[in-house]
Protein backbone atom coordinates (compact mmCIF):
# COMPACT_ATOMS: atom_id res chain seq x y z
CA MET A 1 -10.65 30.41 -15.78
CA THR A 2 -7.37 32.49 -16.15
CA VAL A 3 -5.43 31.69 -19.14
CA VAL A 4 -1.58 31.00 -18.75
CA ALA A 5 1.03 29.66 -21.13
CA ALA A 6 -2.47 29.15 -23.43
CA ILE A 7 -3.82 26.12 -20.82
CA THR A 8 -6.45 26.96 -18.52
CA PHE A 9 -7.54 24.60 -16.07
CA GLU A 10 -10.48 23.08 -18.10
CA ASP A 11 -7.81 21.83 -20.91
CA LEU A 12 -5.71 20.74 -18.12
CA GLN A 13 -8.85 18.31 -16.92
CA ALA A 14 -9.36 17.43 -20.47
CA LYS A 15 -5.97 16.30 -21.47
CA ALA A 16 -5.77 14.43 -17.89
CA ARG A 17 -8.59 12.43 -18.91
CA GLU A 18 -7.39 11.93 -22.40
CA ILE A 19 -4.48 10.02 -21.36
CA GLY A 20 -5.91 8.06 -19.00
CA PHE A 21 -6.44 9.46 -15.36
CA ASP A 22 -10.19 10.10 -13.80
CA VAL A 23 -9.55 13.23 -11.56
CA CYS A 24 -7.22 16.08 -11.58
CA GLY A 25 -6.83 19.37 -9.61
CA VAL A 26 -4.31 22.21 -8.80
CA ALA A 27 -3.62 23.01 -5.65
CA ARG A 28 -0.73 25.52 -3.95
CA PRO A 29 2.62 24.01 -3.11
CA GLN A 30 1.82 23.91 0.53
CA ILE A 31 1.07 21.65 3.37
CA ASP A 32 -1.23 22.87 5.70
CA GLU A 33 -0.40 23.56 9.80
CA ARG A 34 -2.68 20.28 10.88
CA ASN A 35 -1.20 18.20 8.26
CA GLN A 36 2.64 19.19 9.38
CA ARG A 37 1.44 18.77 12.80
CA ARG A 38 0.30 15.16 12.02
CA LEU A 39 3.36 14.38 10.16
CA ASP A 40 6.05 15.58 13.12
CA GLU A 41 3.95 13.47 15.46
CA PHE A 42 4.03 10.28 13.76
CA VAL A 43 7.80 10.81 13.45
CA ALA A 44 8.55 12.05 16.88
CA GLY A 45 6.26 8.83 17.70
CA ALA A 46 8.63 6.45 15.50
CA GLU A 47 5.19 5.10 14.45
CA TYR A 48 6.82 4.53 11.12
CA GLY A 49 8.34 1.71 12.53
CA THR A 50 11.60 0.52 10.23
CA MET A 51 10.67 3.07 7.42
CA ASP A 52 13.47 4.88 8.45
CA TRP A 53 13.77 7.34 5.41
CA MET A 54 10.48 8.95 7.33
CA ASN A 55 12.75 10.64 9.55
CA ASP A 56 15.65 11.27 7.12
CA PRO A 57 17.05 14.56 8.05
CA GLU A 58 17.05 15.44 4.51
CA ARG A 59 13.87 14.12 3.58
CA LEU A 60 11.58 15.37 6.22
CA PRO A 61 11.62 18.91 5.67
CA ARG A 62 10.87 17.99 1.88
CA ARG A 63 7.78 16.23 3.00
CA ARG A 64 6.70 18.96 4.88
CA ASP A 65 7.10 21.80 2.51
CA PRO A 66 7.09 21.02 -1.31
CA LYS A 67 9.04 24.29 -1.66
CA VAL A 68 11.88 22.68 -0.11
CA LEU A 69 11.88 19.69 -2.09
CA TRP A 70 11.96 22.00 -5.50
CA PRO A 71 12.23 26.23 -4.49
CA GLU A 72 10.79 26.94 -8.39
CA VAL A 73 7.54 25.10 -7.78
CA LYS A 74 4.29 27.47 -8.18
CA SER A 75 1.30 24.83 -8.67
CA VAL A 76 0.69 21.25 -7.88
CA ILE A 77 -1.39 19.40 -10.30
CA VAL A 78 -2.51 16.26 -8.53
CA LEU A 79 -3.99 13.35 -10.64
CA GLY A 80 -6.07 10.29 -9.80
CA SER A 81 -6.38 6.97 -11.41
CA ASN A 82 -9.57 4.88 -10.50
CA TYR A 83 -8.63 1.34 -9.40
CA GLY A 84 -12.01 0.16 -7.87
CA PRO A 85 -12.43 -3.28 -7.60
CA ALA A 86 -15.55 -5.46 -9.17
CA GLU A 87 -16.32 -7.47 -5.73
CA ASN A 88 -15.96 -6.59 -2.14
CA PRO A 89 -12.24 -7.80 -1.32
CA LEU A 90 -13.05 -8.75 1.88
CA THR A 91 -15.53 -11.30 1.07
CA LEU A 92 -12.16 -13.35 1.08
CA LEU A 93 -11.96 -13.35 4.61
CA ASP A 94 -14.26 -16.50 4.84
CA HIS A 95 -11.87 -18.46 2.92
CA PRO A 96 -9.22 -19.34 4.89
CA ASP A 97 -7.39 -21.16 2.76
CA ARG A 98 -7.15 -18.61 -0.07
CA ALA A 99 -4.70 -15.89 -0.14
CA MET A 100 -5.70 -12.36 0.08
CA ILE A 101 -3.78 -9.90 -1.68
CA SER A 102 -4.85 -6.11 -1.89
CA VAL A 103 -6.96 -4.78 -4.57
CA TYR A 104 -3.84 -2.82 -5.85
CA ALA A 105 -1.17 -5.41 -6.17
CA LYS A 106 -3.50 -8.16 -8.29
CA ASN A 107 -1.82 -7.13 -11.82
CA ARG A 108 0.56 -4.40 -12.57
CA ASP A 109 2.60 -2.61 -10.48
CA TYR A 110 0.60 0.67 -10.93
CA HIS A 111 4.17 2.90 -10.53
CA ASP A 112 5.00 2.44 -13.89
CA LEU A 113 1.74 3.40 -15.81
CA ILE A 114 1.14 6.26 -13.22
CA LYS A 115 4.39 7.82 -14.24
CA LYS A 116 4.50 7.00 -17.71
CA ARG A 117 1.39 9.21 -17.88
CA LEU A 118 2.53 11.76 -15.53
CA LYS A 119 5.34 12.15 -18.05
CA GLN A 120 3.26 12.68 -21.14
CA LEU A 121 0.87 15.25 -19.34
CA ALA A 122 3.99 16.93 -18.29
CA ARG A 123 5.62 16.96 -22.10
CA TRP A 124 2.08 18.26 -23.16
CA MET A 125 2.25 21.07 -20.65
CA ILE A 126 5.44 22.05 -21.77
CA GLU A 127 4.47 21.91 -25.17
CA GLN A 128 1.65 23.86 -24.81
CA ALA A 129 3.58 26.85 -22.95
CA GLN A 130 6.03 26.87 -26.39
CA LYS A 131 3.46 27.10 -28.80
CA SER A 132 2.00 30.24 -26.68
CA GLY A 133 5.50 31.77 -26.81
CA VAL A 134 6.42 31.22 -23.11
CA GLY A 135 9.86 29.71 -22.98
CA GLY A 136 11.51 27.97 -19.68
CA GLU A 137 8.97 26.56 -17.66
CA GLN A 138 9.79 23.48 -15.65
CA VAL A 139 7.97 20.31 -14.46
CA LYS A 140 8.92 17.39 -12.25
CA VAL A 141 6.61 14.38 -11.74
CA PHE A 142 6.04 12.13 -8.53
CA VAL A 143 4.79 9.02 -7.48
CA ASP A 144 4.35 7.82 -4.12
CA THR A 145 8.20 7.06 -3.77
CA ALA A 146 9.05 10.77 -3.54
CA PRO A 147 9.10 12.73 -0.34
CA VAL A 148 5.35 14.04 -0.96
CA LEU A 149 2.07 14.52 1.23
CA GLU A 150 -0.13 13.47 -1.99
CA LYS A 151 -3.30 13.23 0.17
CA PRO A 152 -3.33 16.75 1.96
CA LEU A 153 -2.35 17.81 -1.88
CA GLY A 154 -5.26 15.69 -3.04
CA GLN A 155 -7.53 17.30 -0.10
CA ALA A 156 -5.91 21.09 -1.30
CA ALA A 157 -6.45 19.89 -5.05
CA GLY A 158 -10.30 18.95 -4.45
CA ILE A 159 -10.02 15.76 -5.51
CA GLY A 160 -11.24 14.31 -2.51
CA TRP A 161 -10.50 13.99 1.62
CA GLN A 162 -8.36 12.46 3.88
CA GLY A 163 -10.55 10.29 5.81
CA LYS A 164 -10.14 8.76 9.66
CA HIS A 165 -8.19 5.84 7.88
CA THR A 166 -5.96 8.48 6.92
CA ASN A 167 -6.38 7.47 3.09
CA LEU A 168 -7.68 10.23 0.69
CA VAL A 169 -11.37 9.52 -0.11
CA SER A 170 -13.11 10.68 -3.34
CA ARG A 171 -17.08 11.04 -4.07
CA GLU A 172 -16.98 9.71 -6.86
CA TYR A 173 -14.73 7.05 -6.35
CA GLY A 174 -14.75 6.48 -2.72
CA SER A 175 -11.12 4.55 -1.45
CA TRP A 176 -9.92 2.91 -4.87
CA LEU A 177 -7.62 6.31 -6.58
CA PHE A 178 -4.03 5.70 -7.74
CA LEU A 179 -2.25 9.24 -6.89
CA GLY A 180 0.83 11.01 -8.71
CA GLU A 181 1.67 14.73 -8.93
CA VAL A 182 3.35 17.06 -11.60
CA PHE A 183 4.94 20.14 -9.58
CA THR A 184 5.21 23.04 -12.42
CA THR A 185 6.51 26.70 -12.60
CA LEU A 186 3.25 27.03 -14.21
CA GLU A 187 0.30 28.86 -12.33
CA PHE A 188 -3.11 27.81 -12.41
CA ASP A 189 -6.69 29.18 -10.64
CA LEU A 190 -6.94 26.84 -7.58
CA ALA A 191 -9.15 23.85 -7.44
CA GLU A 192 -11.68 24.63 -4.34
CA PRO A 193 -10.44 22.00 -1.58
CA GLU A 194 -12.88 19.24 -0.58
CA ILE A 195 -14.06 19.37 2.86
CA ASP A 196 -13.96 16.19 5.08
CA HIS A 197 -17.34 14.26 4.39
CA CYS A 198 -16.70 11.44 6.97
CA GLY A 199 -18.84 12.83 9.92
CA SER A 200 -19.62 10.58 12.92
CA CYS A 201 -18.73 7.54 10.73
CA SER A 202 -15.70 5.13 12.12
CA ASN A 203 -16.24 1.88 10.03
CA CYS A 204 -12.75 1.92 8.83
CA LEU A 205 -11.51 2.56 12.72
CA SER A 206 -13.34 -0.32 14.17
CA ALA A 207 -12.67 -2.58 10.65
CA CYS A 208 -9.15 -2.34 11.48
CA PRO A 209 -7.84 -6.10 12.72
CA THR A 210 -4.90 -5.17 14.30
CA ASP A 211 -6.11 -1.62 15.91
CA ALA A 212 -3.57 0.41 14.16
CA PHE A 213 -5.50 3.53 14.37
CA PRO A 214 -5.08 5.21 17.70
CA ALA A 215 -7.41 8.05 16.85
CA PRO A 216 -9.18 8.94 13.56
CA TYR A 217 -6.87 10.69 11.65
CA LYS A 218 -3.96 8.64 12.96
CA LEU A 219 -1.92 6.01 11.76
CA ASP A 220 0.59 3.58 13.50
CA ALA A 221 1.91 2.21 11.05
CA ARG A 222 3.99 -0.46 13.20
CA LYS A 223 0.45 -2.19 14.06
CA CYS A 224 -0.91 -2.22 10.38
CA ILE A 225 -1.15 -5.34 8.23
CA SER A 226 -0.16 -3.34 5.01
CA TYR A 227 3.44 -2.41 6.97
CA LEU A 228 3.66 -5.70 8.66
CA THR A 229 3.24 -7.87 5.48
CA ILE A 230 5.29 -5.54 3.03
CA GLU A 231 7.61 -3.17 4.97
CA HIS A 232 8.60 -4.93 7.94
CA ASP A 233 11.60 -6.92 7.65
CA GLY A 234 11.49 -9.61 10.50
CA LEU A 235 9.21 -12.37 11.36
CA ILE A 236 5.61 -11.30 11.77
CA PRO A 237 5.47 -10.50 15.89
CA ILE A 238 3.55 -12.86 17.44
CA GLU A 239 0.41 -10.41 18.96
CA PHE A 240 -0.61 -9.74 15.46
CA ARG A 241 -0.13 -13.69 13.52
CA ARG A 242 -3.44 -14.09 14.11
CA ALA A 243 -4.69 -11.11 13.59
CA MET A 244 -3.18 -11.30 9.96
CA GLY A 245 -5.77 -14.10 9.08
CA ASN A 246 -5.20 -14.89 5.37
CA ARG A 247 -3.77 -11.36 4.26
CA ILE A 248 -0.59 -12.33 2.74
CA TYR A 249 0.23 -8.96 1.12
CA GLY A 250 -1.15 -5.58 2.58
CA CYS A 251 -4.84 -5.11 3.88
CA ASP A 252 -7.80 -3.15 2.54
CA ASP A 253 -10.06 -3.81 5.63
CA CYS A 254 -10.20 0.01 6.62
CA LEU A 255 -10.58 0.86 2.53
CA ALA A 256 -13.45 -1.66 1.62
CA VAL A 257 -15.75 -0.75 4.47
CA CYS A 258 -16.15 2.79 3.67
CA PRO A 259 -19.77 3.85 3.12
CA TRP A 260 -18.47 6.49 0.19
CA ASN A 261 -17.60 2.92 -1.85
CA LYS A 262 -21.22 2.75 -2.78
CA PHE A 263 -20.22 5.57 -5.43
CA ALA A 264 -17.28 3.78 -6.87
CA SER A 265 -17.20 2.16 -10.13
CA ARG A 266 -15.00 -0.67 -11.13
CA THR A 267 -11.95 0.39 -12.87
CA GLN A 268 -11.83 0.14 -16.45
CA GLU A 269 -7.94 0.43 -16.57
CA LEU A 270 -6.97 -3.41 -17.70
CA ALA A 271 -3.75 -2.92 -15.82
CA PHE A 272 -5.34 -2.71 -12.74
CA ILE A 273 -7.73 -5.47 -13.26
CA PRO A 274 -6.70 -8.55 -11.13
CA ARG A 275 -4.99 -11.19 -13.19
CA ALA A 276 -7.18 -14.53 -12.78
CA GLU A 277 -4.43 -16.43 -10.76
CA LEU A 278 -4.37 -13.67 -8.59
CA THR A 279 -8.12 -13.17 -7.98
CA ALA A 280 -8.42 -16.31 -5.20
CA PRO A 281 -5.50 -18.01 -5.22
CA ARG A 282 -4.99 -21.11 -2.69
CA LEU A 283 -2.18 -20.85 -0.23
CA ALA A 284 -0.77 -23.84 -1.18
CA ASP A 285 -0.13 -22.55 -4.72
CA PHE A 286 2.62 -20.61 -3.16
CA LEU A 287 4.47 -23.08 -0.44
CA ASP A 288 6.68 -24.65 -3.57
CA LEU A 289 8.16 -21.03 -5.22
CA ASP A 290 11.73 -20.82 -5.07
CA ASP A 291 13.31 -17.74 -5.97
CA ALA A 292 13.28 -18.16 -9.43
CA ALA A 293 9.92 -19.50 -9.65
CA PHE A 294 8.56 -16.43 -7.53
CA ARG A 295 10.38 -13.73 -9.24
CA THR A 296 8.93 -15.30 -12.87
CA PHE A 297 5.25 -15.41 -11.46
CA PHE A 298 5.21 -11.76 -9.99
CA THR A 299 7.55 -10.03 -12.82
CA GLY A 300 5.70 -6.54 -13.06
CA SER A 301 3.98 -7.11 -9.99
CA PRO A 302 4.49 -4.61 -6.93
CA ILE A 303 4.81 -8.18 -4.95
CA LYS A 304 8.28 -9.08 -6.36
CA ARG A 305 9.77 -6.09 -4.90
CA ILE A 306 9.26 -7.85 -1.09
CA GLY A 307 11.08 -10.83 -2.41
CA ARG A 308 10.69 -14.69 -1.85
CA ALA A 309 11.48 -14.55 1.78
CA LYS A 310 8.93 -11.88 3.20
CA PHE A 311 6.56 -13.29 0.83
CA LEU A 312 6.53 -16.71 2.59
CA ARG A 313 6.86 -15.61 5.60
CA ASN A 314 3.45 -13.59 5.10
CA VAL A 315 2.04 -16.96 3.22
CA LEU A 316 3.17 -19.61 6.21
CA THR A 317 1.68 -17.06 8.68
CA ALA A 318 -1.65 -17.33 6.85
CA VAL A 319 -1.02 -20.96 6.13
CA GLY A 320 -1.12 -21.34 10.23
CA ASN A 321 -4.48 -19.58 10.49
CA SER A 322 -5.96 -21.66 7.89
CA ALA A 323 -6.46 -24.89 10.18
CA VAL A 324 -5.48 -26.98 6.17
CA ILE A 325 -4.05 -29.74 8.13
CA SER A 326 -2.77 -31.73 4.89
CA LEU A 327 -0.69 -28.38 4.12
CA VAL A 328 1.79 -29.47 7.34
CA PRO A 329 4.33 -31.90 4.81
CA ARG A 330 4.56 -29.25 2.86
CA VAL A 331 5.20 -26.28 5.80
CA GLU A 332 7.42 -29.15 7.12
CA ASN A 333 9.77 -28.98 3.90
CA LEU A 334 10.41 -25.29 4.83
CA LEU A 335 12.05 -25.88 7.96
CA THR A 336 15.10 -26.47 6.36
CA ASP A 337 14.92 -23.23 4.21
CA GLU A 338 17.75 -21.00 3.22
CA SER A 339 15.74 -18.01 4.82
CA PRO A 340 15.52 -17.07 8.51
CA LEU A 341 12.45 -15.95 8.02
CA VAL A 342 10.86 -18.81 5.98
CA ARG A 343 12.10 -21.44 8.59
CA GLY A 344 10.85 -19.66 11.70
CA SER A 345 7.50 -19.11 10.03
CA ALA A 346 7.43 -22.38 9.21
CA VAL A 347 7.84 -23.54 12.69
CA TRP A 348 5.16 -20.86 13.77
CA ALA A 349 2.54 -22.48 11.07
CA LEU A 350 3.02 -25.79 12.36
CA ALA A 351 2.07 -25.16 15.50
CA GLN A 352 -0.98 -24.25 15.05
CA LEU A 353 -1.67 -26.79 12.71
CA THR A 354 -0.59 -29.77 15.06
CA ASN A 355 -1.61 -30.83 18.43
CA ALA A 356 0.91 -30.69 21.27
CA ASP A 357 2.04 -34.42 20.84
CA ALA A 358 2.15 -33.93 16.83
CA PHE A 359 4.41 -30.96 17.25
CA ASP A 360 6.76 -32.23 19.75
CA ASP A 361 7.28 -35.44 17.21
CA LEU A 362 8.21 -33.25 14.64
CA ARG A 363 10.92 -31.36 16.71
CA ALA A 364 12.26 -34.76 17.66
CA ARG A 365 12.34 -35.47 13.80
CA HIS A 366 14.41 -32.13 13.57
CA GLU A 367 16.54 -32.42 16.19
CA GLN A 368 19.61 -31.03 14.34
CA LEU A 369 18.14 -27.94 13.87
CA GLU A 370 18.59 -26.89 17.38
CA SER A 371 21.60 -25.41 16.15
CA ASP A 372 19.04 -22.89 14.14
CA PRO A 373 19.05 -19.83 16.49
CA VAL A 374 15.54 -18.57 14.80
CA VAL A 375 14.29 -22.21 14.88
CA LEU A 376 14.82 -22.61 18.26
CA ALA A 377 13.27 -19.10 19.47
CA GLU A 378 10.24 -20.18 17.81
CA TRP A 379 10.18 -23.51 18.85
CA SER A 380 10.72 -22.61 22.47
CA ARG A 381 8.10 -20.14 22.29
CA PRO A 382 5.56 -20.52 25.35
CA SER A 383 3.15 -19.60 23.61
CA ALA A 384 4.14 -21.34 20.26
CA VAL A 385 1.34 -24.06 20.32
CA ILE A 386 -2.41 -22.71 20.58
């Protein structure tokens, strides 16, 4: 390997593993034409939903070309951390009274840990460059909150390939890798890009409960449960409520069915091992959370950022799918919640948990809510009672 600033690629990989990363590769700071075209189609079709930053005229060129993001960059180091679960996360689908939370969100927010480790690796790189007498080298670190197409860069860096579900797949870790990048003015020999190993398999496409993949390698975020439960701001669109099942934050279906997961191993990182109370929580346990309790319970969790109202919207949608009739009184209490998201979702949940006569009785008892446009819209929906 070429030695640049006294750092070989092997040294870099060894240091990355010492810090806590499981995989490390180096790519050119460029996005291939195929993935640029995919991005352009995604944006042109407004498939990003309400994530307007995807179409930001300043950010979009940076996303298409790392050199627009930072003109001085010469190498992109892509790091991955295994967050593989101990069990198949889809087993909870058979327990509709329990809440399904995406594997990545069952403990600490990975952004914090990954960014800390990226900075640690970046400092080490600069120190090594200085020790060799090379000054003036620079680094920048990014997690997935920056306008970086990290999955194509990950494939170019040889740590995996972008599967038909659009996520990165690793031969060693399956679908369970957190990614982060170090952009640097240092030059390294490049890794061999990983080739696509999906073959004729389409498990991920057929597993999607909302048909969010219009074609292999293409995702319509507006139909994706991860988008709907995290990024979407309004009520869950009526056509997706049943399909959500008991998924209250994110969705792992397309990841969990990937055959390459047979080579995956459980994460050894304590921050990624699920908290006991989030392993298979009861939906009922979340219905009484006020804002203070929500913030306390989810301190340090990525779930905290969506806020109580969106979280309870998700929980109530799942409750409506649960067939747990005993929850009706507690859901009824939320008809007067301060959040319109919660009120509207409570109406829909009650419509699913009661028969037509019982639902009419509920409406009569809460006649004062007829002036609430959100509640009225849900009460008046022809498909409200199923």
